[in-house]
Protein backbone atom coordinates (compact mmCIF):
# COMPACT_ATOMS: atom_id res chain seq x y z
CA UNK A 1 -1.55 5.40 1.53
CA UNK A 2 0.58 8.30 2.70
CA UNK A 3 4.11 7.78 3.98
CA UNK A 4 4.71 9.71 7.20
CA UNK A 5 7.72 12.05 7.36
CA UNK A 6 8.21 11.92 3.59
CA UNK A 7 10.29 14.93 2.50
CA UNK A 8 10.52 14.28 -1.22
CA UNK A 9 9.11 16.39 -4.03
CA UNK A 10 8.22 13.42 -6.23
CA UNK A 11 9.32 9.99 -5.07
CA UNK A 12 6.76 8.12 -3.00
CA UNK A 13 4.13 10.87 -3.05
CA UNK A 14 1.85 8.37 -4.75
CA UNK A 15 2.33 5.27 -2.59
CA UNK A 16 0.21 2.16 -3.01
CA UNK A 17 0.22 -0.59 -0.37
CA UNK A 18 -1.07 -3.96 -1.54
CA UNK A 19 -1.65 -7.05 0.53
CA UNK A 20 -0.72 -9.29 -2.41
CA UNK A 21 0.58 -8.80 -5.95
CA UNK A 22 2.35 -10.91 -8.54
CA UNK A 23 5.36 -8.58 -8.51
CA UNK A 24 5.81 -4.97 -7.45
CA UNK A 25 8.24 -4.55 -10.34
CA UNK A 26 5.69 -5.82 -12.88
CA UNK A 27 3.03 -3.58 -11.37
CA UNK A 28 5.23 -0.51 -11.78
CA UNK A 29 5.75 -1.26 -15.48
CA UNK A 30 1.97 -1.58 -15.85
CA UNK A 31 1.55 1.77 -14.10
CA UNK A 32 4.00 3.38 -16.52
CA UNK A 33 1.89 2.11 -19.43
CA UNK A 34 -1.14 3.70 -17.75
CA UNK A 35 0.65 7.06 -17.36
CA UNK A 36 0.69 6.93 -13.58
CA UNK A 37 2.13 9.77 -11.53
CA UNK A 38 5.89 10.15 -11.71
CA UNK A 39 7.58 8.81 -8.60
CA UNK A 40 4.83 6.27 -7.93
CA UNK A 41 5.77 3.52 -5.48
CA UNK A 42 4.18 0.13 -4.86
CA UNK A 43 4.83 -1.88 -1.71
CA UNK A 44 3.41 -5.33 -1.03
CA UNK A 45 3.03 -7.71 1.88
CA UNK A 46 3.12 -10.79 -0.37
CA UNK A 47 4.52 -11.30 -3.88
CA UNK A 48 3.49 -14.45 -5.71
CA UNK A 49 6.01 -13.95 -8.55
CA UNK A 50 8.58 -11.59 -7.10
CA UNK A 51 11.43 -10.73 -9.45
CA UNK A 52 15.10 -11.06 -8.69
CA UNK A 53 18.04 -10.45 -10.99
CA UNK A 54 18.83 -12.72 -13.95
CA UNK A 55 15.23 -13.96 -14.03
CA UNK A 56 15.42 -15.48 -10.57
CA UNK A 57 12.50 -15.51 -8.13
CA UNK A 58 12.50 -13.26 -5.08
CA UNK A 59 10.39 -14.89 -2.38
CA UNK A 60 8.08 -12.60 -0.43
CA UNK A 61 5.68 -15.14 1.03
CA UNK A 62 5.54 -13.85 4.61
CA UNK A 63 4.33 -10.47 5.86
CA UNK A 64 6.44 -7.69 7.40
CA UNK A 65 9.26 -7.96 4.88
CA UNK A 66 10.37 -5.12 2.64
CA UNK A 67 9.19 -5.44 -0.95
CA UNK A 68 8.70 -2.31 -3.03
CA UNK A 69 9.29 -0.87 -6.47
CA UNK A 70 9.06 2.63 -7.90
CA UNK A 71 9.68 4.55 -11.08
CA UNK A 72 11.04 7.92 -11.98
CA UNK A 73 10.61 9.59 -15.33
CA UNK A 74 13.97 10.98 -16.37
CA UNK A 75 15.62 12.37 -19.44
CA UNK A 76 19.30 11.67 -19.10
CA UNK A 77 22.23 9.79 -20.57
CA UNK A 78 22.68 6.25 -19.25
CA UNK A 79 26.16 7.27 -18.08
CA UNK A 80 24.50 9.43 -15.41
CA UNK A 81 23.30 6.23 -13.74
CA UNK A 82 26.71 4.54 -13.56
CA UNK A 83 27.18 2.97 -10.15
CA UNK A 84 23.58 3.66 -9.15
CA UNK A 85 22.86 0.14 -7.89
CA UNK A 86 25.92 0.32 -5.62
CA UNK A 87 24.73 3.70 -4.34
CA UNK A 88 21.31 2.23 -3.55
CA UNK A 89 23.01 -0.55 -1.61
CA UNK A 90 25.00 2.04 0.35
CA UNK A 91 21.81 3.91 1.23
CA UNK A 92 20.26 0.68 2.52
CA UNK A 93 23.43 -0.07 4.46
CA UNK A 94 23.42 3.38 6.06
CA UNK A 95 19.75 3.26 7.07
CA UNK A 96 20.11 -0.13 8.74
CA UNK A 97 23.22 1.01 10.58
CA UNK A 98 21.88 4.36 11.78
CA UNK A 99 18.33 3.30 12.64
CA UNK A 100 18.90 -0.22 13.94
CA UNK A 101 22.61 -0.60 14.64
CA UNK A 102 22.79 -3.41 12.08
CA UNK A 103 25.96 -3.93 10.05
CA UNK A 104 25.37 -5.37 6.58
CA UNK A 105 27.78 -5.93 3.72
CA UNK A 106 27.40 -5.24 0.02
CA UNK A 107 28.16 -7.97 -2.47
CA UNK A 108 28.41 -6.09 -5.72
CA UNK A 109 26.57 -5.30 -7.74
CA UNK A 110 23.20 -5.77 -6.02
CA UNK A 111 23.17 -8.03 -2.96
CA UNK A 112 22.85 -7.09 0.72
CA UNK A 113 24.58 -9.67 2.89
CA UNK A 114 24.74 -10.54 6.61
CA UNK A 115 27.10 -13.18 8.01
CA UNK A 116 27.78 -14.43 4.50
CA UNK A 117 24.11 -14.90 3.65
CA UNK A 118 21.86 -12.76 1.47
CA UNK A 119 19.14 -10.69 3.12
CA UNK A 120 18.33 -8.31 0.28
CA UNK A 121 18.59 -7.51 -3.38
CA UNK A 122 18.18 -4.61 -5.78
CA UNK A 123 16.70 -4.82 -9.27
CA UNK A 124 17.40 -1.84 -11.53
CA UNK A 125 15.72 -1.55 -14.93
CA UNK A 126 15.47 1.24 -17.49
CA UNK A 127 13.57 2.14 -20.61
CA UNK A 128 15.70 3.99 -23.13
CA UNK A 129 14.31 6.02 -26.00
CA UNK A 130 16.36 7.95 -28.54
CA UNK A 131 19.51 7.32 -26.55
CA UNK A 132 18.12 8.76 -23.30
CA UNK A 133 16.89 7.02 -20.16
CA UNK A 134 13.20 7.85 -20.05
CA UNK A 135 12.16 5.60 -17.18
CA UNK A 136 14.11 4.25 -14.23
CA UNK A 137 12.43 1.37 -12.38
CA UNK A 138 13.92 0.08 -9.16
CA UNK A 139 12.78 -2.84 -7.03
CA UNK A 140 14.08 -3.60 -3.55
CA UNK A 141 13.49 -6.68 -1.45
CA UNK A 142 14.84 -7.19 2.07
CA UNK A 143 14.17 -10.14 4.31
CA UNK A 144 13.35 -8.32 7.51
CA UNK A 145 11.10 -10.90 9.19
CA UNK A 146 11.24 -13.99 6.98
CA UNK A 147 11.66 -17.22 8.95
CA UNK A 148 10.96 -19.97 6.43
CA UNK A 149 13.26 -20.36 3.45
CA UNK A 150 12.71 -22.49 0.37
CA UNK A 151 15.03 -25.43 -0.20
CA UNK A 152 16.88 -23.72 -3.04
CA UNK A 153 17.87 -20.72 -0.89
CA UNK A 154 17.83 -21.92 2.73
CA UNK A 155 21.62 -22.30 2.85
CA UNK A 156 22.39 -18.95 1.27
CA UNK A 157 19.65 -16.62 2.56
CA UNK A 158 18.65 -15.23 5.94
CA UNK A 159 16.75 -12.34 7.51
CA UNK A 160 17.33 -9.49 9.94
CA UNK A 161 14.92 -11.05 12.42
CA UNK A 162 16.69 -14.39 12.24
CA UNK A 163 20.19 -12.96 12.61
CA UNK A 164 19.62 -10.09 15.05
CA UNK A 165 16.11 -10.59 16.53
CA UNK A 166 15.32 -7.00 15.53
CA UNK A 167 12.01 -5.80 14.10
CA UNK A 168 12.31 -3.32 11.23
CA UNK A 169 9.44 -0.90 10.58
CA UNK A 170 8.79 -1.35 6.88
CA UNK A 171 7.08 1.99 6.26
CA UNK A 172 9.73 3.95 8.18
CA UNK A 173 12.47 2.24 6.18
CA UNK A 174 10.82 2.98 2.83
CA UNK A 175 10.21 6.60 3.80
CA UNK A 176 13.84 7.14 4.78
CA UNK A 177 15.00 5.42 1.61
CA UNK A 178 12.86 7.70 -0.56
CA UNK A 179 14.13 10.81 1.22
CA UNK A 180 17.73 9.81 0.63
CA UNK A 181 17.38 8.40 -2.87
CA UNK A 182 15.66 11.43 -4.34
CA UNK A 183 18.59 13.58 -3.22
CA UNK A 184 20.98 11.14 -4.93
CA UNK A 185 19.07 10.99 -8.21
CA UNK A 186 18.81 14.78 -8.35
CA UNK A 187 22.61 14.99 -8.09
CA UNK A 188 22.95 12.71 -11.09
CA UNK A 189 20.28 14.04 -13.44
CA UNK A 190 18.96 17.29 -14.78
CA UNK A 191 17.02 18.81 -11.90
CA UNK A 192 14.89 20.91 -14.26
CA UNK A 193 13.84 17.91 -16.34
CA UNK A 194 13.26 15.79 -13.24
CA UNK A 195 10.98 18.34 -11.60
CA UNK A 196 9.27 19.16 -14.91
CA UNK A 197 8.29 15.49 -15.19
CA UNK A 198 6.87 15.38 -11.65
């Protein structure tokens, strides 16, 4: 599929929308092994084995929630990515505020929180070769419309729909995220190498 209003040179140009997948993060790693196009992004309606941090499960069992992962081929020192997860959280925070008037908090390093409950998370992974980050893989999940919560998370998780009764356009959100994130990653890495790998 093609994301409307995408302004990036690389990120999200190859965008795949799946109705169901085990995990968008796992699919991205498979795509890397198959030499897929740099900047490829996978979004899914349902994840059967969604990945959270520390091996936890991220539940995406209802449609119209944000669940996507992407990769960028880089060639940079790991130090260039210091604080990147926090920066991603700030981008998410800004988009929700500007587009929907929603105030969310960041619980470092990777949680998005509303009224003391988690609505989103960020999973950042890398592949390092010869001391350089070769691949950056990022997964983002946000409970935009989720209404039913499993017993193990029902007291600590919520959704934008549940808290604010606001509908978030998933594709518009992902497009805006890509536009902003590519600018951020270009600031941190070697622009020549980044564009050469596109």
